Amino acid sequence: MKVAVVGATGLVGGEILKVLAERDFPVTELLLVASERSVGKQMEFKGKQIKVIGMQDAIAAAPQIAIFSAGGSTSTEWAPKFAEVGTVVVDNSSAWRMDPTKKLVVPEINAKELTKEDKIIANPNCSTIQMVVALNKLHEELQMKRIVVSTYQSVTGTGVKAVDQLMNEREGKDGEKAYPYQIDLNVLPHIDVFQDNGYTKEEMKMILETKKIMGDDSIRVTATAVRIPVMGGHSESVNVEFEKDFTLDEVYRILGETEGVVVVDDVKNLKYPMPQDAHGKDEVFVGRVRLDETQPRTVNMWIVADNLRKGAATNAVQIAEYLVKHELV
C-alpha cells in the first residue's frame, strides 16, 4: 500500500503521520509531499527518515491513496491530477466539500456511500465533524429539526502561524500575525472570510456540510463561529430541537450508544468536557446535557474534540482505513 501525505510538513500533516503510525495503517511505502521550498527536507516516520518530495514526483509514483492537507487552491489544482493516475484522494480542504459530485464523509455516519468510482473524497470541516458525530444517532432516533451552534475554536485550526502569534503575545514578543487583532486574552467572533449574508465562511460550512453529511436538507442549522486563545481542541455549545418527544435519560442512552462519543457529564463533581482533556484523543466528548426549558423537544449540550485529530487527521485516516477494508483501493 503506497500512501502519499500531501502537506506533510504542516500541523495537520504532522498529525496525519502520527495517526497513521498509531493506528498501524498498512503502509508499505510512504510518500511525504510538500511545496517546493520543503522538498529535500527529512521527516521521521516510525523511526525512519523519509525525504520530502514534490507533487510531480508523487504523481509519477501513483500511490493508491493520497491524504491531502495543503489548502483549497492546492487541492483544486492537484487532486484531479492524482485521481487521473488512479489514486484515491482524501482531501482535508474545503475545495470539494460542497461539490455535488463528491462525497463528504464522516466514517461513523456515511462511509457506506463510498464506491470504487470515488476518486476524490472530501473530509468535512473540523467543527462540523465533531458536531455531527455527537448528533448522528440522536438524529436517527429522534429526527432533528433545528440546530443552533456557537463554537469556541482553538488557534491550531488556523495553523502554525496562529499558534506562534498566541505564544508571542503571551510572552510579549513581536512576530508575524495570523489574525487582524490580538488573540491572547481576547475572543474573535470571526473565522474565515465574511459572506454577503453577514455569516462567515466557517459558519456557512457548518450549516451546509451538516445537511450534506446527514443527507437531510430539512434540518435547519444556524451557527456562530468564534476563535479563542486555546490549544488542544474545539468546543461547541449546541442547542437541538427534535421532531419526537424524549426524556433526558433517553438522550444519555443514545449518546452512550453512539460510536466515537464519550459522555463526560457529572456536574455535581464538576466533570464536563474541556479542550485540554480532549487533546491528543480521537473521541468526541459530550457533557452539560440538559433540557431546554424554553421550548419542548429541545436539548442543550457541550461538545469538545481535538480539531487536529478527529476534526482532521483521524477522520481522514479512518476514511482511508474504510477504503482498504472494503477493497475500494
Protein backbone atom coordinates (compact mmCIF):
# COMPACT_ATOMS: atom_id res chain seq x y z
CA MET A 1 0.00 0.00 0.00
CA LYS A 2 1.69 3.16 -1.26
CA VAL A 3 0.37 6.24 0.56
CA ALA A 4 1.10 9.92 -0.06
CA VAL A 5 0.62 12.63 2.57
CA VAL A 6 0.34 15.96 0.76
CA GLY A 7 1.10 18.90 3.02
CA ALA A 8 3.20 16.64 5.26
CA THR A 9 5.14 19.50 6.84
CA GLY A 10 2.06 21.35 8.18
CA LEU A 11 0.27 20.99 11.53
CA VAL A 12 -2.39 18.61 10.20
CA GLY A 13 0.15 16.80 8.00
CA GLY A 14 2.26 16.02 11.06
CA GLU A 15 -0.83 14.77 12.86
CA ILE A 16 -1.73 12.52 9.91
CA LEU A 17 1.71 10.88 10.14
CA LYS A 18 1.23 10.37 13.88
CA VAL A 19 -2.23 8.83 13.37
CA LEU A 20 -1.04 6.54 10.54
CA ALA A 21 1.71 5.23 12.86
CA GLU A 22 -0.53 4.90 15.94
CA ARG A 23 -3.25 3.03 14.08
CA ASP A 24 -0.68 0.86 12.29
CA PHE A 25 -2.12 1.71 8.88
CA PRO A 26 -0.81 -0.82 6.30
CA VAL A 27 1.71 1.48 4.58
CA THR A 28 4.42 -0.28 2.60
CA GLU A 29 5.75 2.94 1.07
CA LEU A 30 5.11 6.43 2.40
CA LEU A 31 5.48 9.50 0.18
CA LEU A 32 5.84 12.79 2.03
CA VAL A 33 4.79 15.61 -0.27
CA ALA A 34 5.06 19.36 0.23
CA SER A 35 5.71 22.64 -1.58
CA GLU A 36 8.97 23.21 -3.43
CA ARG A 37 10.54 25.07 -0.51
CA SER A 38 10.26 21.93 1.66
CA VAL A 39 11.49 19.42 -0.96
CA GLY A 40 14.55 17.56 0.30
CA LYS A 41 13.71 18.08 3.96
CA GLN A 42 13.91 14.92 6.09
CA MET A 43 10.99 13.82 8.27
CA GLU A 44 10.62 10.84 10.57
CA PHE A 45 8.01 8.10 10.33
CA LYS A 46 8.15 5.01 12.54
CA GLY A 47 11.81 5.62 13.30
CA LYS A 48 12.85 6.04 9.65
CA GLN A 49 13.95 9.24 7.93
CA ILE A 50 11.99 10.00 4.74
CA LYS A 51 12.82 12.76 2.28
CA VAL A 52 10.07 15.19 1.26
CA ILE A 53 9.28 15.19 -2.46
CA GLY A 54 7.35 17.46 -4.82
CA MET A 55 3.94 16.97 -6.45
CA GLN A 56 5.12 15.71 -9.83
CA ASP A 57 7.33 13.00 -8.30
CA ALA A 58 4.44 11.90 -6.08
CA ILE A 59 2.04 11.65 -9.03
CA ALA A 60 4.63 9.70 -11.02
CA ALA A 61 4.80 7.19 -8.15
CA ALA A 62 0.99 6.61 -8.48
CA PRO A 63 0.14 5.92 -4.82
CA GLN A 64 -3.08 4.06 -4.06
CA ILE A 65 -4.15 6.73 -1.54
CA ALA A 66 -3.19 10.39 -1.12
CA ILE A 67 -4.27 12.23 2.02
CA PHE A 68 -4.26 15.96 1.29
CA SER A 69 -3.88 18.70 3.88
CA ALA A 70 -2.41 21.53 1.87
CA GLY A 71 -5.16 24.12 1.43
CA GLY A 72 -8.00 24.60 -1.04
CA SER A 73 -6.08 26.02 -4.02
CA THR A 74 -3.52 23.19 -3.85
CA SER A 75 -6.29 20.60 -3.70
CA THR A 76 -8.19 22.18 -6.59
CA GLU A 77 -5.08 22.08 -8.78
CA TRP A 78 -3.50 18.78 -7.79
CA ALA A 79 -6.19 16.37 -6.51
CA PRO A 80 -7.57 15.74 -10.05
CA LYS A 81 -4.03 15.01 -11.30
CA PHE A 82 -3.59 12.33 -8.63
CA ALA A 83 -7.06 10.97 -9.46
CA GLU A 84 -6.08 10.70 -13.14
CA VAL A 85 -3.34 8.16 -12.29
CA GLY A 86 -5.82 6.10 -10.23
CA THR A 87 -5.02 7.50 -6.77
CA VAL A 88 -7.91 7.94 -4.34
CA VAL A 89 -7.58 11.37 -2.75
CA VAL A 90 -8.91 12.07 0.75
CA ASP A 91 -8.93 15.86 0.94
CA ASN A 92 -8.93 17.93 4.13
CA SER A 93 -9.56 21.30 2.49
CA SER A 94 -12.89 22.95 1.70
CA ALA A 95 -12.26 22.64 -2.07
CA TRP A 96 -14.54 19.66 -2.78
CA ARG A 97 -16.90 19.53 0.20
CA MET A 98 -19.94 21.08 -1.44
CA ASP A 99 -19.26 19.68 -4.92
CA PRO A 100 -22.39 17.60 -5.65
CA THR A 101 -20.25 15.00 -7.47
CA LYS A 102 -18.03 14.38 -4.40
CA LYS A 103 -18.84 12.51 -1.17
CA LEU A 104 -18.42 14.36 2.14
CA VAL A 105 -17.58 11.63 4.63
CA VAL A 106 -17.58 11.03 8.36
CA PRO A 107 -16.96 7.24 8.56
CA GLU A 108 -19.30 6.62 11.52
CA ILE A 109 -22.13 8.21 9.56
CA ASN A 110 -21.89 7.74 5.80
CA ALA A 111 -18.77 5.81 4.70
CA LYS A 112 -21.10 3.14 3.32
CA GLU A 113 -21.88 5.54 0.44
CA LEU A 114 -18.31 5.20 -0.91
CA THR A 115 -17.65 3.19 -4.09
CA LYS A 116 -14.65 2.40 -6.30
CA GLU A 117 -15.70 5.28 -8.55
CA ASP A 118 -14.98 7.86 -5.82
CA LYS A 119 -11.51 9.18 -6.60
CA ILE A 120 -11.75 12.44 -4.63
CA ILE A 121 -13.36 12.20 -1.18
CA ALA A 122 -13.89 15.29 0.96
CA ASN A 123 -13.12 15.43 4.68
CA PRO A 124 -15.57 17.83 6.42
CA ASN A 125 -14.72 20.93 8.41
CA CYS A 126 -13.34 20.17 11.88
CA SER A 127 -16.16 21.86 13.78
CA THR A 128 -18.78 20.10 11.64
CA ILE A 129 -17.25 16.66 12.19
CA GLN A 130 -17.41 16.72 15.99
CA MET A 131 -20.96 18.06 16.00
CA VAL A 132 -22.40 15.50 13.57
CA VAL A 133 -20.62 12.59 15.28
CA ALA A 134 -22.33 13.59 18.54
CA LEU A 135 -25.74 14.18 16.93
CA ASN A 136 -25.96 11.40 14.33
CA LYS A 137 -27.62 8.68 16.40
CA LEU A 138 -29.89 11.22 18.10
CA HIS A 139 -30.99 12.28 14.61
CA GLU A 140 -31.65 8.66 13.61
CA GLU A 141 -33.89 8.07 16.63
CA LEU A 142 -35.47 11.48 17.30
CA GLN A 143 -35.21 13.38 13.95
CA MET A 144 -33.50 16.75 14.28
CA LYS A 145 -35.46 19.83 13.21
CA ARG A 146 -33.13 22.69 14.12
CA ILE A 147 -29.58 23.19 15.41
CA VAL A 148 -28.21 26.39 16.96
CA VAL A 149 -24.44 26.12 17.43
CA SER A 150 -21.83 28.51 18.79
CA THR A 151 -18.21 27.40 18.52
CA TYR A 152 -15.16 28.12 20.69
CA GLN A 153 -12.32 27.19 18.35
CA SER A 154 -8.64 26.54 19.03
CA VAL A 155 -5.90 28.58 17.31
CA THR A 156 -4.49 25.29 15.97
CA GLY A 157 -7.38 25.34 13.50
CA THR A 158 -5.68 28.28 11.76
CA GLY A 159 -2.19 26.73 11.70
CA VAL A 160 1.36 27.22 12.91
CA LYS A 161 1.34 30.98 12.35
CA ALA A 162 -1.65 31.38 14.71
CA VAL A 163 -0.03 29.23 17.41
CA ASP A 164 3.10 31.38 17.12
CA GLN A 165 1.03 34.58 17.35
CA LEU A 166 -0.66 33.40 20.55
CA MET A 167 2.60 32.33 22.20
CA ASN A 168 4.42 35.51 21.10
CA GLU A 169 1.65 37.67 22.55
CA ARG A 170 1.71 35.67 25.76
CA GLU A 171 5.48 36.23 26.03
CA GLY A 172 5.29 39.90 25.00
CA LYS A 173 7.19 39.37 21.73
CA ASP A 174 6.59 40.81 18.27
CA GLY A 175 6.06 38.45 15.39
CA GLU A 176 4.05 37.53 12.30
CA LYS A 177 0.29 37.67 12.82
CA ALA A 178 -2.37 35.23 11.60
CA TYR A 179 -5.27 37.33 12.92
CA PRO A 180 -6.21 41.00 12.43
CA TYR A 181 -6.29 41.51 16.22
CA GLN A 182 -4.59 40.20 19.33
CA ILE A 183 -5.79 36.69 20.19
CA ASP A 184 -4.30 36.29 23.69
CA LEU A 185 -6.73 37.49 26.39
CA ASN A 186 -9.24 38.10 23.60
CA VAL A 187 -12.04 36.43 21.60
CA LEU A 188 -12.55 36.91 17.85
CA PRO A 189 -16.11 36.36 16.51
CA HIS A 190 -14.60 35.90 13.07
CA ILE A 191 -13.34 32.67 11.44
CA ASP A 192 -12.58 32.69 7.70
CA VAL A 193 -14.00 35.44 5.46
CA PHE A 194 -17.32 37.23 5.81
CA GLN A 195 -20.02 36.41 3.25
CA ASP A 196 -22.69 38.69 1.76
CA ASN A 197 -25.27 37.41 4.26
CA GLY A 198 -23.15 38.54 7.25
CA TYR A 199 -22.12 34.98 8.19
CA THR A 200 -18.51 33.86 7.90
CA LYS A 201 -17.45 31.10 5.53
CA GLU A 202 -16.77 28.87 8.57
CA GLU A 203 -20.35 29.33 9.78
CA MET A 204 -21.75 28.55 6.34
CA LYS A 205 -19.54 25.43 6.14
CA MET A 206 -21.18 24.10 9.31
CA ILE A 207 -24.65 24.90 8.01
CA LEU A 208 -24.25 23.37 4.55
CA GLU A 209 -21.98 20.44 5.44
CA THR A 210 -24.27 19.21 8.23
CA LYS A 211 -27.17 18.84 5.78
CA LYS A 212 -24.98 17.07 3.20
CA ILE A 213 -23.41 14.59 5.65
CA MET A 214 -26.76 13.78 7.25
CA GLY A 215 -28.37 13.56 3.82
CA ASP A 216 -31.23 15.75 5.05
CA ASP A 217 -31.84 19.26 3.71
CA SER A 218 -34.80 19.75 6.05
CA ILE A 219 -32.54 20.26 9.10
CA ARG A 220 -32.32 23.96 9.90
CA VAL A 221 -28.87 24.99 11.12
CA THR A 222 -27.59 28.37 12.30
CA ALA A 223 -24.05 28.97 13.52
CA THR A 224 -21.73 31.50 15.15
CA ALA A 225 -18.04 30.56 14.92
CA VAL A 226 -15.58 32.10 17.38
CA ARG A 227 -11.80 31.86 17.80
CA ILE A 228 -10.49 31.70 21.38
CA PRO A 229 -6.92 31.68 22.80
CA VAL A 230 -6.82 27.91 23.38
CA MET A 231 -4.80 25.00 22.02
CA GLY A 232 -5.89 21.39 22.13
CA GLY A 233 -9.39 21.33 20.73
CA HIS A 234 -12.61 22.99 19.63
CA SER A 235 -15.65 23.36 21.90
CA GLU A 236 -19.27 23.88 20.87
CA SER A 237 -22.45 24.94 22.61
CA VAL A 238 -25.23 23.14 20.74
CA ASN A 239 -29.00 23.54 21.08
CA VAL A 240 -31.02 20.92 19.17
CA GLU A 241 -34.76 20.72 18.57
CA PHE A 242 -36.21 17.31 17.62
CA GLU A 243 -39.42 16.13 15.99
CA LYS A 244 -40.08 13.38 18.56
CA ASP A 245 -40.63 13.55 22.29
CA PHE A 246 -37.89 12.18 24.56
CA THR A 247 -36.64 12.09 28.13
CA LEU A 248 -33.20 13.17 29.27
CA ASP A 249 -32.44 9.54 30.15
CA GLU A 250 -33.12 8.58 26.53
CA VAL A 251 -30.69 11.24 25.32
CA TYR A 252 -27.99 9.87 27.63
CA ARG A 253 -28.71 6.32 26.46
CA ILE A 254 -28.46 7.29 22.79
CA LEU A 255 -25.25 9.27 23.32
CA GLY A 256 -23.79 6.34 25.25
CA GLU A 257 -24.52 4.06 22.28
CA THR A 258 -23.06 6.49 19.70
CA GLU A 259 -19.83 5.29 18.08
CA GLY A 260 -16.94 7.66 18.74
CA VAL A 261 -18.67 9.56 21.57
CA VAL A 262 -17.64 9.68 25.25
CA VAL A 263 -20.13 11.20 27.70
CA VAL A 264 -18.45 13.26 30.45
CA ASP A 265 -21.32 14.71 32.45
CA ASP A 266 -21.21 14.76 36.24
CA VAL A 267 -21.76 18.38 37.23
CA LYS A 268 -22.01 17.54 40.96
CA ASN A 269 -18.35 16.57 40.77
CA LEU A 270 -17.51 19.29 38.20
CA LYS A 271 -16.93 16.79 35.39
CA TYR A 272 -17.50 18.13 31.88
CA PRO A 273 -15.54 18.11 28.60
CA MET A 274 -12.68 20.57 28.15
CA PRO A 275 -10.19 21.05 25.28
CA GLN A 276 -7.20 20.16 27.47
CA ASP A 277 -8.76 16.76 28.19
CA ALA A 278 -9.61 16.09 24.52
CA HIS A 279 -6.10 16.98 23.33
CA GLY A 280 -4.42 14.04 21.56
CA LYS A 281 -7.57 11.91 21.66
CA ASP A 282 -9.78 10.70 18.80
CA GLU A 283 -13.14 10.63 20.59
CA VAL A 284 -15.80 13.34 20.67
CA PHE A 285 -16.64 14.32 24.27
CA VAL A 286 -20.17 15.40 25.24
CA GLY A 287 -21.41 16.91 28.50
CA ARG A 288 -23.61 19.61 30.10
CA VAL A 289 -26.61 17.77 28.61
CA ARG A 290 -29.85 19.40 29.75
CA LEU A 291 -33.36 20.07 28.57
CA ASP A 292 -34.09 23.49 27.09
CA GLU A 293 -36.77 24.77 29.44
CA THR A 294 -37.97 27.43 26.98
CA GLN A 295 -39.44 25.06 24.39
CA PRO A 296 -40.42 21.38 24.02
CA ARG A 297 -38.34 18.56 22.49
CA THR A 298 -35.13 20.59 22.72
CA VAL A 299 -31.82 19.83 24.42
CA ASN A 300 -28.60 21.72 25.12
CA MET A 301 -25.18 20.08 25.13
CA TRP A 302 -21.46 20.90 25.14
CA ILE A 303 -19.29 19.10 22.56
CA VAL A 304 -15.47 19.02 22.58
CA ALA A 305 -12.92 17.30 20.32
CA ASP A 306 -9.30 17.66 19.25
CA ASN A 307 -9.66 19.54 15.96
CA LEU A 308 -6.37 18.25 14.55
CA ARG A 309 -7.30 14.64 15.33
CA LYS A 310 -10.97 13.67 14.80
CA GLY A 311 -11.54 17.10 13.26
CA ALA A 312 -8.97 16.44 10.54
CA ALA A 313 -6.22 13.79 10.60
CA THR A 314 -8.02 10.90 12.30
CA ASN A 315 -11.19 11.30 10.22
CA ALA A 316 -9.08 11.26 7.02
CA VAL A 317 -7.16 8.14 8.12
CA GLN A 318 -10.43 6.44 9.13
CA ILE A 319 -11.72 7.08 5.59
CA ALA A 320 -8.52 5.51 4.21
CA GLU A 321 -8.97 2.52 6.56
CA TYR A 322 -12.53 2.05 5.28
CA LEU A 323 -11.28 2.12 1.67
CA VAL A 324 -8.69 -0.58 2.42
CA LYS A 325 -11.03 -2.77 4.50
CA HIS A 326 -13.73 -2.73 1.81
CA GLU A 327 -11.26 -3.15 -1.07
CA LEU A 328 -12.16 0.17 -2.68
CA VAL A 329 -8.47 0.90 -3.49
